[in-house]
Amino acid sequence: GQLIAPWGGTRTSVEFFRKYREAFGEVIRAEVTG
């Protein structure tokens, strides 16, 4: 259902995405929430 990055700065989220993107699979939608 949901995979949540550990709290941290932007770099932490970029690293988290890179680490898990293959297992997560193809991204088809993105929402920037503000």
PDB file of all heavy atoms in Angstrom:
ATOM      1  N   GLY A   1       0.810  -1.212   0.000  1.00  0.00           N
ATOM      2  CA  GLY A   1       0.000   0.000   0.000  1.00  0.00           C
ATOM      3  C   GLY A   1       0.835   1.250   0.000  1.00  0.00           C
ATOM      4  O   GLY A   1       0.836   1.985  -0.964  1.00  0.00           O
ATOM      5  N   GLN A   2       1.585   1.507   1.076  1.00  0.00           N
ATOM      6  CA  GLN A   2       2.401   2.709   1.153  1.00  0.00           C
ATOM      7  C   GLN A   2       3.815   2.372   1.611  1.00  0.00           C
ATOM      8  O   GLN A   2       4.012   1.575   2.514  1.00  0.00           O
ATOM      9  CB  GLN A   2       1.802   3.722   2.122  1.00  0.00           C
ATOM     10  CG  GLN A   2       0.544   4.369   1.611  1.00  0.00           C
ATOM     11  CD  GLN A   2       0.068   5.470   2.535  1.00  0.00           C
ATOM     12  OE1 GLN A   2       0.295   5.439   3.732  1.00  0.00           O
ATOM     13  NE2 GLN A   2      -0.591   6.450   1.970  1.00  0.00           N
ATOM     14  N   LEU A   3       4.749   3.027   0.991  1.00  0.00           N
ATOM     15  CA  LEU A   3       6.154   2.935   1.348  1.00  0.00           C
ATOM     16  C   LEU A   3       6.572   4.351   1.718  1.00  0.00           C
ATOM     17  O   LEU A   3       6.532   5.247   0.883  1.00  0.00           O
ATOM     18  CB  LEU A   3       6.947   2.420   0.149  1.00  0.00           C
ATOM     19  CG  LEU A   3       8.439   2.222   0.307  1.00  0.00           C
ATOM     20  CD1 LEU A   3       8.723   1.182   1.393  1.00  0.00           C
ATOM     21  CD2 LEU A   3       9.047   1.766  -1.003  1.00  0.00           C
ATOM     22  N   ILE A   4       6.927   4.568   2.973  1.00  0.00           N
ATOM     23  CA  ILE A   4       7.184   5.913   3.462  1.00  0.00           C
ATOM     24  C   ILE A   4       8.667   6.071   3.773  1.00  0.00           C
ATOM     25  O   ILE A   4       9.246   5.298   4.532  1.00  0.00           O
ATOM     26  CB  ILE A   4       6.336   6.214   4.711  1.00  0.00           C
ATOM     27  CG1 ILE A   4       4.847   6.035   4.376  1.00  0.00           C
ATOM     28  CG2 ILE A   4       6.613   7.620   5.229  1.00  0.00           C
ATOM     29  CD1 ILE A   4       3.923   6.132   5.561  1.00  0.00           C
ATOM     30  N   ALA A   5       9.260   7.103   3.190  1.00  0.00           N
ATOM     31  CA  ALA A   5      10.674   7.380   3.426  1.00  0.00           C
ATOM     32  C   ALA A   5      10.890   7.780   4.877  1.00  0.00           C
ATOM     33  O   ALA A   5      10.016   8.377   5.498  1.00  0.00           O
ATOM     34  CB  ALA A   5      11.140   8.513   2.505  1.00  0.00           C
ATOM     35  N   PRO A   6      12.066   7.468   5.434  1.00  0.00           N
ATOM     36  CA  PRO A   6      12.364   7.934   6.787  1.00  0.00           C
ATOM     37  C   PRO A   6      12.437   9.454   6.803  1.00  0.00           C
ATOM     38  O   PRO A   6      12.790  10.077   5.802  1.00  0.00           O
ATOM     39  CB  PRO A   6      13.725   7.304   7.091  1.00  0.00           C
ATOM     40  CG  PRO A   6      14.318   6.991   5.773  1.00  0.00           C
ATOM     41  CD  PRO A   6      13.187   6.754   4.827  1.00  0.00           C
ATOM     42  N   TRP A   7      12.086  10.057   7.948  1.00  0.00           N
ATOM     43  CA  TRP A   7      12.121  11.513   8.030  1.00  0.00           C
ATOM     44  C   TRP A   7      13.557  11.985   7.867  1.00  0.00           C
ATOM     45  O   TRP A   7      14.482  11.399   8.394  1.00  0.00           O
ATOM     46  CB  TRP A   7      11.552  11.993   9.364  1.00  0.00           C
ATOM     47  CG  TRP A   7      11.519  13.481   9.407  1.00  0.00           C
ATOM     48  CD1 TRP A   7      12.329  14.288  10.137  1.00  0.00           C
ATOM     49  CD2 TRP A   7      10.666  14.345   8.664  1.00  0.00           C
ATOM     50  NE1 TRP A   7      12.027  15.596   9.903  1.00  0.00           N
ATOM     51  CE2 TRP A   7      11.019  15.672   9.002  1.00  0.00           C
ATOM     52  CE3 TRP A   7       9.645  14.137   7.739  1.00  0.00           C
ATOM     53  CZ2 TRP A   7      10.374  16.786   8.457  1.00  0.00           C
ATOM     54  CZ3 TRP A   7       9.002  15.243   7.200  1.00  0.00           C
ATOM     55  CH2 TRP A   7       9.364  16.539   7.554  1.00  0.00           C
ATOM     56  N   GLY A   8      13.711  13.026   7.120  1.00  0.00           N
ATOM     57  CA  GLY A   8      15.031  13.595   6.870  1.00  0.00           C
ATOM     58  C   GLY A   8      14.885  14.682   5.828  1.00  0.00           C
ATOM     59  O   GLY A   8      13.781  15.079   5.470  1.00  0.00           O
ATOM     60  N   GLY A   9      15.970  15.139   5.319  1.00  0.00           N
ATOM     61  CA  GLY A   9      15.950  16.185   4.310  1.00  0.00           C
ATOM     62  C   GLY A   9      15.646  15.636   2.926  1.00  0.00           C
ATOM     63  O   GLY A   9      15.406  14.440   2.736  1.00  0.00           O
ATOM     64  N   THR A  10      15.682  16.526   1.978  1.00  0.00           N
ATOM     65  CA  THR A  10      15.417  16.163   0.590  1.00  0.00           C
ATOM     66  C   THR A  10      16.373  15.072   0.115  1.00  0.00           C
ATOM     67  O   THR A  10      15.963  14.133  -0.565  1.00  0.00           O
ATOM     68  CB  THR A  10      15.538  17.407  -0.314  1.00  0.00           C
ATOM     69  OG1 THR A  10      14.660  18.418   0.184  1.00  0.00           O
ATOM     70  CG2 THR A  10      15.165  17.085  -1.749  1.00  0.00           C
ATOM     71  N   ARG A  11      17.625  15.177   0.489  1.00  0.00           N
ATOM     72  CA  ARG A  11      18.613  14.177   0.051  1.00  0.00           C
ATOM     73  C   ARG A  11      18.249  12.783   0.538  1.00  0.00           C
ATOM     74  O   ARG A  11      18.451  11.800  -0.169  1.00  0.00           O
ATOM     75  CB  ARG A  11      20.003  14.563   0.539  1.00  0.00           C
ATOM     76  CG  ARG A  11      20.562  15.746  -0.198  1.00  0.00           C
ATOM     77  CD  ARG A  11      21.972  16.071   0.253  1.00  0.00           C
ATOM     78  NE  ARG A  11      22.361  17.351  -0.324  1.00  0.00           N
ATOM     79  CZ  ARG A  11      23.047  18.270   0.322  1.00  0.00           C
ATOM     80  NH1 ARG A  11      23.440  18.053   1.567  1.00  0.00           N
ATOM     81  NH2 ARG A  11      23.368  19.397  -0.265  1.00  0.00           N
ATOM     82  N   THR A  12      17.723  12.700   1.749  1.00  0.00           N
ATOM     83  CA  THR A  12      17.294  11.406   2.289  1.00  0.00           C
ATOM     84  C   THR A  12      16.210  10.798   1.405  1.00  0.00           C
ATOM     85  O   THR A  12      16.230   9.602   1.109  1.00  0.00           O
ATOM     86  CB  THR A  12      16.774  11.566   3.732  1.00  0.00           C
ATOM     87  OG1 THR A  12      17.810  12.109   4.540  1.00  0.00           O
ATOM     88  CG2 THR A  12      16.313  10.239   4.303  1.00  0.00           C
ATOM     89  N   SER A  13      15.265  11.624   0.970  1.00  0.00           N
ATOM     90  CA  SER A  13      14.187  11.133   0.112  1.00  0.00           C
ATOM     91  C   SER A  13      14.697  10.735  -1.263  1.00  0.00           C
ATOM     92  O   SER A  13      14.259   9.722  -1.813  1.00  0.00           O
ATOM     93  CB  SER A  13      13.084  12.192  -0.008  1.00  0.00           C
ATOM     94  OG  SER A  13      12.336  12.236   1.183  1.00  0.00           O
ATOM     95  N   VAL A  14      15.624  11.497  -1.828  1.00  0.00           N
ATOM     96  CA  VAL A  14      16.195  11.140  -3.133  1.00  0.00           C
ATOM     97  C   VAL A  14      16.920   9.794  -3.023  1.00  0.00           C
ATOM     98  O   VAL A  14      16.742   8.911  -3.865  1.00  0.00           O
ATOM     99  CB  VAL A  14      17.134  12.246  -3.653  1.00  0.00           C
ATOM    100  CG1 VAL A  14      17.884  11.779  -4.900  1.00  0.00           C
ATOM    101  CG2 VAL A  14      16.354  13.522  -3.957  1.00  0.00           C
ATOM    102  N   GLU A  15      17.705   9.619  -1.962  1.00  0.00           N
ATOM    103  CA  GLU A  15      18.422   8.356  -1.758  1.00  0.00           C
ATOM    104  C   GLU A  15      17.451   7.191  -1.552  1.00  0.00           C
ATOM    105  O   GLU A  15      17.672   6.095  -2.074  1.00  0.00           O
ATOM    106  CB  GLU A  15      19.366   8.470  -0.555  1.00  0.00           C
ATOM    107  CG  GLU A  15      20.542   9.390  -0.809  1.00  0.00           C
ATOM    108  CD  GLU A  15      21.322   9.737   0.458  1.00  0.00           C
ATOM    109  OE1 GLU A  15      21.014   9.190   1.541  1.00  0.00           O
ATOM    110  OE2 GLU A  15      22.239  10.574   0.355  1.00  0.00           O
ATOM    111  N   PHE A  16      16.384   7.415  -0.800  1.00  0.00           N
ATOM    112  CA  PHE A  16      15.372   6.396  -0.558  1.00  0.00           C
ATOM    113  C   PHE A  16      14.717   5.975  -1.877  1.00  0.00           C
ATOM    114  O   PHE A  16      14.565   4.787  -2.158  1.00  0.00           O
ATOM    115  CB  PHE A  16      14.322   6.941   0.417  1.00  0.00           C
ATOM    116  CG  PHE A  16      13.273   5.944   0.820  1.00  0.00           C
ATOM    117  CD1 PHE A  16      13.501   5.070   1.867  1.00  0.00           C
ATOM    118  CD2 PHE A  16      12.049   5.907   0.173  1.00  0.00           C
ATOM    119  CE1 PHE A  16      12.536   4.161   2.260  1.00  0.00           C
ATOM    120  CE2 PHE A  16      11.072   5.001   0.558  1.00  0.00           C
ATOM    121  CZ  PHE A  16      11.314   4.125   1.601  1.00  0.00           C
ATOM    122  N   PHE A  17      14.344   6.954  -2.700  1.00  0.00           N
ATOM    123  CA  PHE A  17      13.754   6.659  -4.008  1.00  0.00           C
ATOM    124  C   PHE A  17      14.712   5.816  -4.843  1.00  0.00           C
ATOM    125  O   PHE A  17      14.308   4.804  -5.430  1.00  0.00           O
ATOM    126  CB  PHE A  17      13.403   7.958  -4.745  1.00  0.00           C
ATOM    127  CG  PHE A  17      13.043   7.724  -6.179  1.00  0.00           C
ATOM    128  CD1 PHE A  17      11.818   7.161  -6.525  1.00  0.00           C
ATOM    129  CD2 PHE A  17      13.934   8.034  -7.192  1.00  0.00           C
ATOM    130  CE1 PHE A  17      11.494   6.920  -7.857  1.00  0.00           C
ATOM    131  CE2 PHE A  17      13.614   7.806  -8.519  1.00  0.00           C
ATOM    132  CZ  PHE A  17      12.393   7.247  -8.852  1.00  0.00           C
ATOM    133  N   ARG A  18      15.946   6.223  -4.906  1.00  0.00           N
ATOM    134  CA  ARG A  18      16.929   5.491  -5.715  1.00  0.00           C
ATOM    135  C   ARG A  18      17.139   4.067  -5.210  1.00  0.00           C
ATOM    136  O   ARG A  18      17.310   3.145  -6.001  1.00  0.00           O
ATOM    137  CB  ARG A  18      18.248   6.250  -5.745  1.00  0.00           C
ATOM    138  CG  ARG A  18      18.158   7.507  -6.590  1.00  0.00           C
ATOM    139  CD  ARG A  18      19.407   8.335  -6.533  1.00  0.00           C
ATOM    140  NE  ARG A  18      19.323   9.462  -7.455  1.00  0.00           N
ATOM    141  CZ  ARG A  18      20.115  10.516  -7.397  1.00  0.00           C
ATOM    142  NH1 ARG A  18      21.067  10.589  -6.483  1.00  0.00           N
ATOM    143  NH2 ARG A  18      19.952  11.498  -8.268  1.00  0.00           N
ATOM    144  N   LYS A  19      17.099   3.890  -3.904  1.00  0.00           N
ATOM    145  CA  LYS A  19      17.315   2.568  -3.317  1.00  0.00           C
ATOM    146  C   LYS A  19      16.161   1.613  -3.613  1.00  0.00           C
ATOM    147  O   LYS A  19      16.375   0.423  -3.855  1.00  0.00           O
ATOM    148  CB  LYS A  19      17.501   2.704  -1.803  1.00  0.00           C
ATOM    149  CG  LYS A  19      17.786   1.401  -1.099  1.00  0.00           C
ATOM    150  CD  LYS A  19      18.070   1.619   0.373  1.00  0.00           C
ATOM    151  CE  LYS A  19      18.379   0.313   1.065  1.00  0.00           C
ATOM    152  NZ  LYS A  19      18.740   0.511   2.476  1.00  0.00           N
ATOM    153  N   TYR A  20      14.930   2.130  -3.603  1.00  0.00           N
ATOM    154  CA  TYR A  20      13.761   1.257  -3.704  1.00  0.00           C
ATOM    155  C   TYR A  20      12.980   1.359  -5.018  1.00  0.00           C
ATOM    156  O   TYR A  20      11.991   0.659  -5.186  1.00  0.00           O
ATOM    157  CB  TYR A  20      12.808   1.515  -2.527  1.00  0.00           C
ATOM    158  CG  TYR A  20      13.405   1.098  -1.213  1.00  0.00           C
ATOM    159  CD1 TYR A  20      13.782   2.040  -0.276  1.00  0.00           C
ATOM    160  CD2 TYR A  20      13.621  -0.247  -0.919  1.00  0.00           C
ATOM    161  CE1 TYR A  20      14.344   1.660   0.929  1.00  0.00           C
ATOM    162  CE2 TYR A  20      14.193  -0.642   0.276  1.00  0.00           C
ATOM    163  CZ  TYR A  20      14.549   0.322   1.198  1.00  0.00           C
ATOM    164  OH  TYR A  20      15.114  -0.056   2.387  1.00  0.00           O
ATOM    165  N   ARG A  21      13.422   2.195  -5.949  1.00  0.00           N
ATOM    166  CA  ARG A  21      12.616   2.399  -7.164  1.00  0.00           C
ATOM    167  C   ARG A  21      12.447   1.136  -7.998  1.00  0.00           C
ATOM    168  O   ARG A  21      11.392   0.906  -8.570  1.00  0.00           O
ATOM    169  CB  ARG A  21      13.166   3.540  -8.008  1.00  0.00           C
ATOM    170  CG  ARG A  21      14.483   3.256  -8.668  1.00  0.00           C
ATOM    171  CD  ARG A  21      14.926   4.412  -9.521  1.00  0.00           C
ATOM    172  NE  ARG A  21      16.334   4.300  -9.819  1.00  0.00           N
ATOM    173  CZ  ARG A  21      17.041   5.256 -10.332  1.00  0.00           C
ATOM    174  NH1 ARG A  21      16.481   6.405 -10.615  1.00  0.00           N
ATOM    175  NH2 ARG A  21      18.310   5.082 -10.579  1.00  0.00           N
ATOM    176  N   GLU A  22      13.464   0.302  -8.066  1.00  0.00           N
ATOM    177  CA  GLU A  22      13.340  -0.917  -8.864  1.00  0.00           C
ATOM    178  C   GLU A  22      12.298  -1.856  -8.261  1.00  0.00           C
ATOM    179  O   GLU A  22      11.449  -2.395  -8.963  1.00  0.00           O
ATOM    180  CB  GLU A  22      14.693  -1.625  -8.978  1.00  0.00           C
ATOM    181  CG  GLU A  22      14.646  -2.793  -9.944  1.00  0.00           C
ATOM    182  CD  GLU A  22      16.014  -3.429 -10.135  1.00  0.00           C
ATOM    183  OE1 GLU A  22      17.021  -2.690 -10.213  1.00  0.00           O
ATOM    184  OE2 GLU A  22      16.061  -4.666 -10.207  1.00  0.00           O
ATOM    185  N   ALA A  23      12.342  -2.043  -6.954  1.00  0.00           N
ATOM    186  CA  ALA A  23      11.365  -2.906  -6.280  1.00  0.00           C
ATOM    187  C   ALA A  23       9.972  -2.295  -6.326  1.00  0.00           C
ATOM    188  O   ALA A  23       8.973  -3.008  -6.406  1.00  0.00           O
ATOM    189  CB  ALA A  23      11.773  -3.141  -4.834  1.00  0.00           C
ATOM    190  N   PHE A  24       9.891  -0.968  -6.287  1.00  0.00           N
ATOM    191  CA  PHE A  24       8.602  -0.267  -6.305  1.00  0.00           C
ATOM    192  C   PHE A  24       7.913  -0.421  -7.655  1.00  0.00           C
ATOM    193  O   PHE A  24       6.703  -0.508  -7.747  1.00  0.00           O
ATOM    194  CB  PHE A  24       8.815   1.212  -5.968  1.00  0.00           C
ATOM    195  CG  PHE A  24       7.553   2.000  -5.797  1.00  0.00           C
ATOM    196  CD1 PHE A  24       6.705   1.765  -4.722  1.00  0.00           C
ATOM    197  CD2 PHE A  24       7.210   2.987  -6.706  1.00  0.00           C
ATOM    198  CE1 PHE A  24       5.547   2.497  -4.550  1.00  0.00           C
ATOM    199  CE2 PHE A  24       6.052   3.733  -6.550  1.00  0.00           C
ATOM    200  CZ  PHE A  24       5.216   3.483  -5.469  1.00  0.00           C
ATOM    201  N   GLY A  25       8.691  -0.449  -8.702  1.00  0.00           N
ATOM    202  CA  GLY A  25       8.123  -0.619 -10.043  1.00  0.00           C
ATOM    203  C   GLY A  25       7.857   0.704 -10.735  1.00  0.00           C
ATOM    204  O   GLY A  25       8.198   1.774 -10.246  1.00  0.00           O
ATOM    205  N   GLU A  26       7.232   0.604 -11.884  1.00  0.00           N
ATOM    206  CA  GLU A  26       7.008   1.780 -12.721  1.00  0.00           C
ATOM    207  C   GLU A  26       6.085   2.794 -12.044  1.00  0.00           C
ATOM    208  O   GLU A  26       4.974   2.473 -11.625  1.00  0.00           O
ATOM    209  CB  GLU A  26       6.400   1.379 -14.066  1.00  0.00           C
ATOM    210  CG  GLU A  26       6.212   2.573 -14.972  1.00  0.00           C
ATOM    211  CD  GLU A  26       5.531   2.245 -16.281  1.00  0.00           C
ATOM    212  OE1 GLU A  26       5.184   1.068 -16.508  1.00  0.00           O
ATOM    213  OE2 GLU A  26       5.327   3.174 -17.070  1.00  0.00           O
ATOM    214  N   VAL A  27       6.568   4.016 -11.968  1.00  0.00           N
ATOM    215  CA  VAL A  27       5.775   5.116 -11.427  1.00  0.00           C
ATOM    216  C   VAL A  27       4.951   5.695 -12.569  1.00  0.00           C
ATOM    217  O   VAL A  27       5.480   6.012 -13.630  1.00  0.00           O
ATOM    218  CB  VAL A  27       6.679   6.210 -10.819  1.00  0.00           C
ATOM    219  CG1 VAL A  27       5.856   7.388 -10.334  1.00  0.00           C
ATOM    220  CG2 VAL A  27       7.524   5.637  -9.699  1.00  0.00           C
ATOM    221  N   ILE A  28       3.634   5.804 -12.356  1.00  0.00           N
ATOM    222  CA  ILE A  28       2.772   6.329 -13.412  1.00  0.00           C
ATOM    223  C   ILE A  28       2.113   7.662 -13.044  1.00  0.00           C
ATOM    224  O   ILE A  28       1.555   8.339 -13.897  1.00  0.00           O
ATOM    225  CB  ILE A  28       1.671   5.314 -13.796  1.00  0.00           C
ATOM    226  CG1 ILE A  28       0.797   4.978 -12.587  1.00  0.00           C
ATOM    227  CG2 ILE A  28       2.281   4.070 -14.425  1.00  0.00           C
ATOM    228  CD1 ILE A  28      -0.485   4.240 -12.946  1.00  0.00           C
ATOM    229  N   ARG A  29       2.210   8.024 -11.768  1.00  0.00           N
ATOM    230  CA  ARG A  29       1.583   9.272 -11.326  1.00  0.00           C
ATOM    231  C   ARG A  29       2.393   9.844 -10.171  1.00  0.00           C
ATOM    232  O   ARG A  29       2.919   9.100  -9.342  1.00  0.00           O
ATOM    233  CB  ARG A  29       0.156   8.999 -10.861  1.00  0.00           C
ATOM    234  CG  ARG A  29      -0.614  10.221 -10.436  1.00  0.00           C
ATOM    235  CD  ARG A  29      -2.074   9.836 -10.068  1.00  0.00           C
ATOM    236  NE  ARG A  29      -2.750  10.946  -9.464  1.00  0.00           N
ATOM    237  CZ  ARG A  29      -2.674  11.272  -8.171  1.00  0.00           C
ATOM    238  NH1 ARG A  29      -1.956  10.562  -7.348  1.00  0.00           N
ATOM    239  NH2 ARG A  29      -3.323  12.314  -7.714  1.00  0.00           N
ATOM    240  N   ALA A  30       2.462  11.176 -10.123  1.00  0.00           N
ATOM    241  CA  ALA A  30       3.130  11.853  -9.019  1.00  0.00           C
ATOM    242  C   ALA A  30       2.304  13.056  -8.607  1.00  0.00           C
ATOM    243  O   ALA A  30       1.700  13.730  -9.444  1.00  0.00           O
ATOM    244  CB  ALA A  30       4.530  12.290  -9.426  1.00  0.00           C
ATOM    245  N   GLU A  31       2.272  13.303  -7.302  1.00  0.00           N
ATOM    246  CA  GLU A  31       1.579  14.468  -6.773  1.00  0.00           C
ATOM    247  C   GLU A  31       2.520  15.205  -5.829  1.00  0.00           C
ATOM    248  O   GLU A  31       3.055  14.623  -4.890  1.00  0.00           O
ATOM    249  CB  GLU A  31       0.328  14.048  -5.997  1.00  0.00           C
ATOM    250  CG  GLU A  31      -0.396  15.221  -5.370  1.00  0.00           C
ATOM    251  CD  GLU A  31      -1.575  14.826  -4.498  1.00  0.00           C
ATOM    252  OE1 GLU A  31      -1.826  13.608  -4.338  1.00  0.00           O
ATOM    253  OE2 GLU A  31      -2.221  15.723  -3.972  1.00  0.00           O
ATOM    254  N   VAL A  32       2.733  16.480  -6.112  1.00  0.00           N
ATOM    255  CA  VAL A  32       3.456  17.354  -5.203  1.00  0.00           C
ATOM    256  C   VAL A  32       2.373  18.059  -4.398  1.00  0.00           C
ATOM    257  O   VAL A  32       1.556  18.792  -4.946  1.00  0.00           O
ATOM    258  CB  VAL A  32       4.343  18.360  -5.963  1.00  0.00           C
ATOM    259  CG1 VAL A  32       5.059  19.281  -4.984  1.00  0.00           C
ATOM    260  CG2 VAL A  32       5.349  17.629  -6.838  1.00  0.00           C
ATOM    261  N   THR A  33       2.366  17.805  -3.080  1.00  0.00           N
ATOM    262  CA  THR A  33       1.241  18.223  -2.249  1.00  0.00           C
ATOM    263  C   THR A  33       1.333  19.644  -1.714  1.00  0.00           C
ATOM    264  O   THR A  33       0.332  20.201  -1.272  1.00  0.00           O
ATOM    265  CB  THR A  33       1.107  17.288  -1.027  1.00  0.00           C
ATOM    266  OG1 THR A  33       2.251  17.467  -0.183  1.00  0.00           O
ATOM    267  CG2 THR A  33       0.968  15.843  -1.456  1.00  0.00           C
ATOM    268  N   GLY A  34       2.519  20.216  -1.681  1.00  0.00           N
ATOM    269  CA  GLY A  34       2.698  21.521  -1.066  1.00  0.00           C
ATOM    270  C   GLY A  34       2.942  21.412   0.435  1.00  0.00           C
ATOM    271  O   GLY A  34       3.026  22.406   1.142  1.00  0.00           O
TER     272      GLY A  34
END
